[in-house]
Protein backbone atom coordinates (compact mmCIF):
# COMPACT_ATOMS: atom_id res chain seq x y z
CA MET A 1 0.00 0.00 0.00
CA ARG A 2 1.18 3.50 -0.87
CA ALA A 3 -1.97 5.48 -0.09
CA VAL A 4 -4.81 5.37 2.44
CA VAL A 5 -8.02 7.07 1.37
CA PHE A 6 -10.79 7.74 3.89
CA ASP A 7 -14.48 8.28 3.36
CA ALA A 8 -15.75 11.38 5.17
CA VAL A 9 -19.21 11.16 6.76
CA GLY A 10 -19.63 8.12 8.99
CA THR A 11 -15.91 7.36 8.92
CA LEU A 12 -13.79 10.37 9.88
CA ILE A 13 -16.53 12.88 10.65
CA HIS A 14 -20.02 12.59 12.12
CA PRO A 15 -22.85 15.16 12.28
CA GLN A 16 -23.30 16.54 15.77
CA PRO A 17 -26.10 16.69 16.78
CA LYS A 18 -27.60 13.94 14.64
CA VAL A 19 -29.10 14.89 11.29
CA ALA A 20 -32.72 14.32 12.34
CA GLN A 21 -32.28 16.48 15.44
CA VAL A 22 -30.80 19.33 13.41
CA TYR A 23 -33.50 19.09 10.75
CA ALA A 24 -36.30 19.00 13.32
CA ALA A 25 -34.92 21.96 15.28
CA ILE A 26 -34.40 24.11 12.20
CA GLY A 27 -37.74 23.00 10.75
CA ARG A 28 -39.51 24.14 13.90
CA ARG A 29 -37.92 27.56 13.56
CA HIS A 30 -39.61 27.82 10.18
CA GLY A 31 -43.05 26.57 11.14
CA SER A 32 -42.82 22.77 11.12
CA LEU A 33 -44.62 20.72 13.76
CA LEU A 34 -42.80 17.46 12.97
CA ASP A 35 -41.01 15.70 15.83
CA ASP A 36 -37.55 14.14 15.58
CA ALA A 37 -38.86 10.64 14.84
CA ALA A 38 -41.07 11.79 11.96
CA VAL A 39 -38.23 13.84 10.53
CA ALA A 40 -35.87 10.84 10.74
CA ARG A 41 -38.32 8.61 8.85
CA ARG A 42 -38.94 11.21 6.16
CA PHE A 43 -35.24 11.98 5.79
CA LYS A 44 -34.32 8.31 5.32
CA ALA A 45 -37.00 7.83 2.66
CA ALA A 46 -36.05 11.07 0.87
CA PHE A 47 -32.34 10.20 0.89
CA GLN A 48 -33.08 6.75 -0.56
CA ARG A 49 -35.17 8.31 -3.34
CA GLN A 50 -32.29 10.57 -4.33
CA ASP A 51 -29.86 7.64 -4.32
CA GLU A 52 -32.18 5.79 -6.69
CA ILE A 53 -32.20 8.78 -9.04
CA ASP A 54 -28.40 8.82 -9.06
CA ARG A 55 -28.21 5.07 -9.57
CA ASN A 56 -30.45 5.40 -12.62
CA ASN A 57 -28.15 8.18 -13.88
CA ARG A 58 -25.12 5.91 -13.51
CA TRP A 59 -23.87 7.84 -10.49
CA THR A 60 -23.17 11.07 -12.35
CA THR A 61 -23.26 14.27 -10.33
CA SER A 62 -22.22 17.92 -10.22
CA GLU A 63 -22.34 20.86 -7.84
CA GLU A 64 -25.73 21.80 -9.28
CA ARG A 65 -27.00 18.23 -8.89
CA GLU A 66 -25.84 18.06 -5.27
CA GLN A 67 -27.62 21.26 -4.34
CA ARG A 68 -30.73 20.08 -6.15
CA ARG A 69 -30.53 16.76 -4.25
CA TRP A 70 -30.57 18.58 -0.91
CA ARG A 71 -33.34 20.94 -1.97
CA GLU A 72 -35.50 17.95 -2.90
CA ILE A 73 -34.66 16.13 0.33
CA VAL A 74 -35.63 19.16 2.42
CA ALA A 75 -38.84 19.57 0.40
CA ASP A 76 -39.70 15.90 0.94
CA VAL A 77 -39.03 16.10 4.69
CA PHE A 78 -40.97 19.31 5.36
CA ASP A 79 -44.39 20.00 3.91
CA ASP A 80 -45.29 22.37 6.74
CA ALA A 81 -42.33 24.76 6.87
CA ALA A 82 -41.31 27.86 4.94
CA PHE A 83 -39.11 26.15 2.37
CA GLU A 84 -36.48 28.68 1.27
CA PRO A 85 -35.38 29.93 4.71
CA CYS A 86 -35.51 26.38 6.07
CA PHE A 87 -33.36 25.01 3.24
CA ASN A 88 -30.90 27.89 3.39
CA GLU A 89 -30.36 27.48 7.12
CA LEU A 90 -29.90 23.72 6.83
CA TYR A 91 -27.48 24.02 3.91
CA ALA A 92 -25.43 26.63 5.75
CA HIS A 93 -25.47 24.64 9.00
CA PHE A 94 -23.82 21.56 7.48
CA ALA A 95 -21.15 23.74 5.86
CA ARG A 96 -19.86 24.71 9.32
CA PRO A 97 -16.95 22.75 10.82
CA ASP A 98 -18.59 22.94 14.26
CA ALA A 99 -21.57 20.98 12.92
CA TRP A 100 -19.27 17.95 12.71
CA ARG A 101 -17.51 15.76 15.26
CA VAL A 102 -14.20 14.20 14.28
CA ASP A 103 -13.83 10.53 15.22
CA GLU A 104 -11.75 10.35 18.39
CA ALA A 105 -9.19 8.05 16.75
CA ALA A 106 -8.82 10.08 13.56
CA ALA A 107 -5.94 12.37 14.53
CA SER A 108 -3.72 9.60 15.91
CA LEU A 109 -4.52 7.31 12.98
CA ILE A 110 -3.67 9.96 10.40
CA GLU A 111 -0.46 10.77 12.24
CA SER A 112 0.51 7.09 12.26
CA LEU A 113 0.25 7.04 8.44
CA SER A 114 3.11 9.49 7.91
CA GLY A 115 4.75 7.16 5.38
CA PHE A 116 1.65 7.04 3.18
CA VAL A 117 -0.25 9.42 0.96
CA VAL A 118 -3.39 10.23 3.00
CA ALA A 119 -6.55 11.45 1.31
CA MET A 120 -10.28 11.90 1.85
CA ALA A 121 -12.73 10.97 -0.91
CA SER A 122 -16.42 11.60 -0.36
CA ASN A 123 -19.88 11.86 -1.87
CA PHE A 124 -20.21 15.50 -0.91
CA ASP A 125 -20.05 18.96 -2.45
CA GLU A 126 -17.75 21.97 -2.26
CA ARG A 127 -18.67 22.56 1.40
CA LEU A 128 -16.42 19.68 2.42
CA HIS A 129 -13.25 21.70 1.75
CA GLY A 130 -14.21 24.33 4.31
CA ILE A 131 -15.27 21.68 6.82
CA VAL A 132 -11.94 19.83 6.61
CA ALA A 133 -9.95 23.08 6.72
CA GLY A 134 -11.76 24.04 9.93
CA LEU A 135 -11.06 20.77 11.77
CA PRO A 136 -7.46 20.69 13.07
CA GLU A 137 -7.59 16.94 13.70
CA LEU A 138 -7.72 16.43 9.92
CA SER A 139 -4.74 18.63 9.08
CA GLY A 140 -2.74 15.56 8.00
CA ILE A 141 -5.09 14.91 5.07
CA GLN A 142 -3.16 15.79 1.94
CA HIS A 143 -5.93 15.53 -0.68
CA VAL A 144 -9.70 16.11 -0.46
CA ILE A 145 -11.59 14.64 -3.41
CA VAL A 146 -15.29 15.51 -3.70
CA SER A 147 -17.85 13.82 -5.93
CA SER A 148 -19.49 17.06 -7.10
CA GLU A 149 -16.13 18.18 -8.51
CA VAL A 150 -15.23 14.77 -9.95
CA GLY A 151 -18.57 14.45 -11.75
CA TRP A 152 -19.24 10.95 -10.38
CA ARG A 153 -20.39 9.56 -7.06
CA LYS A 154 -19.31 6.43 -5.26
CA PRO A 155 -19.77 3.58 -6.00
CA GLY A 156 -19.30 4.63 -9.64
CA ARG A 157 -16.14 3.17 -11.16
CA GLU A 158 -15.20 6.56 -12.62
CA PHE A 159 -15.04 8.08 -9.11
CA PHE A 160 -12.39 5.58 -8.07
CA ARG A 161 -10.49 5.97 -11.33
CA THR A 162 -10.25 9.67 -10.50
CA LEU A 163 -8.57 8.75 -7.20
CA GLU A 164 -5.83 6.94 -9.11
CA THR A 165 -5.35 9.94 -11.41
CA ARG A 166 -5.39 12.58 -8.67
CA LEU A 167 -3.02 10.66 -6.42
CA GLY A 168 -0.85 9.27 -9.20
CA ILE A 169 -1.04 5.86 -7.55
CA ALA A 170 -2.35 2.58 -8.99
CA ALA A 171 -5.58 1.13 -7.58
CA ALA A 172 -3.80 -1.96 -6.24
CA GLU A 173 -1.66 0.31 -4.04
CA ILE A 174 -4.60 2.20 -2.48
CA LEU A 175 -6.43 1.17 0.69
CA PHE A 176 -9.94 2.67 0.99
CA VAL A 177 -11.37 3.06 4.51
CA GLY A 178 -15.12 3.63 4.84
CA ASP A 179 -18.36 2.56 6.46
CA ASP A 180 -20.73 1.84 3.57
CA PRO A 181 -20.69 -1.70 2.06
CA LEU A 182 -21.83 -0.51 -1.38
CA ASN A 183 -20.18 2.89 -1.77
CA ASP A 184 -16.92 2.15 0.01
CA GLY A 185 -16.63 -1.63 -0.04
CA GLU A 186 -17.96 -2.81 -3.39
CA GLY A 187 -17.03 0.42 -5.15
CA ALA A 188 -13.39 0.16 -4.10
CA ALA A 189 -13.21 -3.58 -4.82
CA GLN A 190 -14.61 -3.21 -8.34
CA ALA A 191 -11.93 -0.58 -8.99
CA GLY A 192 -9.18 -2.95 -7.84
CA MET A 193 -8.57 -1.38 -4.44
CA ARG A 194 -8.46 -3.02 -1.05
CA SER A 195 -10.96 -1.74 1.48
CA VAL A 196 -11.53 -1.73 5.21
CA LEU A 197 -15.09 -1.24 6.42
CA LEU A 198 -15.97 -0.01 9.89
CA GLY A 199 -18.43 -2.40 11.51
CA ARG A 200 -17.35 -5.28 9.29
CA ASP A 201 -13.57 -5.55 9.01
CA VAL A 202 -12.89 -3.48 12.13
CA GLN A 203 -15.34 -2.24 14.73
CA HIS A 204 -13.74 1.15 15.32
CA LEU A 205 -11.43 3.46 13.39
CA GLY A 206 -8.81 3.15 16.10
CA GLU A 207 -8.42 -0.57 15.46
CA ILE A 208 -6.65 0.18 12.19
CA ILE A 209 -3.70 1.59 14.13
CA GLY A 210 -1.09 -1.14 14.53
CA SER A 211 -2.89 -3.51 12.14
CA ALA A 212 0.10 -3.77 9.86
CA SER A 213 -1.51 -6.50 7.74
CA LEU A 214 -4.03 -3.96 6.47
CA LEU A 215 -1.24 -1.85 5.00
CA GLU A 216 1.03 -4.54 3.57
């Protein structure tokens, strides 16, 4: 292995508070009466609908597509809130570094990989650059690769090919660390990369430290 590439959300960073709590609180400020549980159900269904759209479009994306995705998700979640101010506040909230918690093992793990190229590759949009820049624990990340800029989302093969090109490293020499079996596991495997999945191969991010076999 010459490079270790991390997924972002669910792997290195986590929304804090949880997404449903943030949506419900902001929704209430704009007239919604939905509780956290109802928001969570609606969000999950809306997110799955958008994934199906992208699957049918062969995982293509763009900055415009990503913003449209989130506009449609917010519209599907809230039918009783003032849409534009609600969407704008939500979109701005998740652009803030303090809306995210860095995994407690992330800083030490990244530091332990000093002999490797270390990157982050995520299904996200341009906001991710500001988030990473505002989180000191992630300062060791050398490359941030975002689907909206690549033009393809994980698990699309083209997304992973872009990793090879951007890093200048062959797929067989890249280890992809993530949490999603389809996007991070199957996507990386189909591109010829090894992968480590949280909750399957290791239970916690910190377990990767000292597991030399993962990096051989």
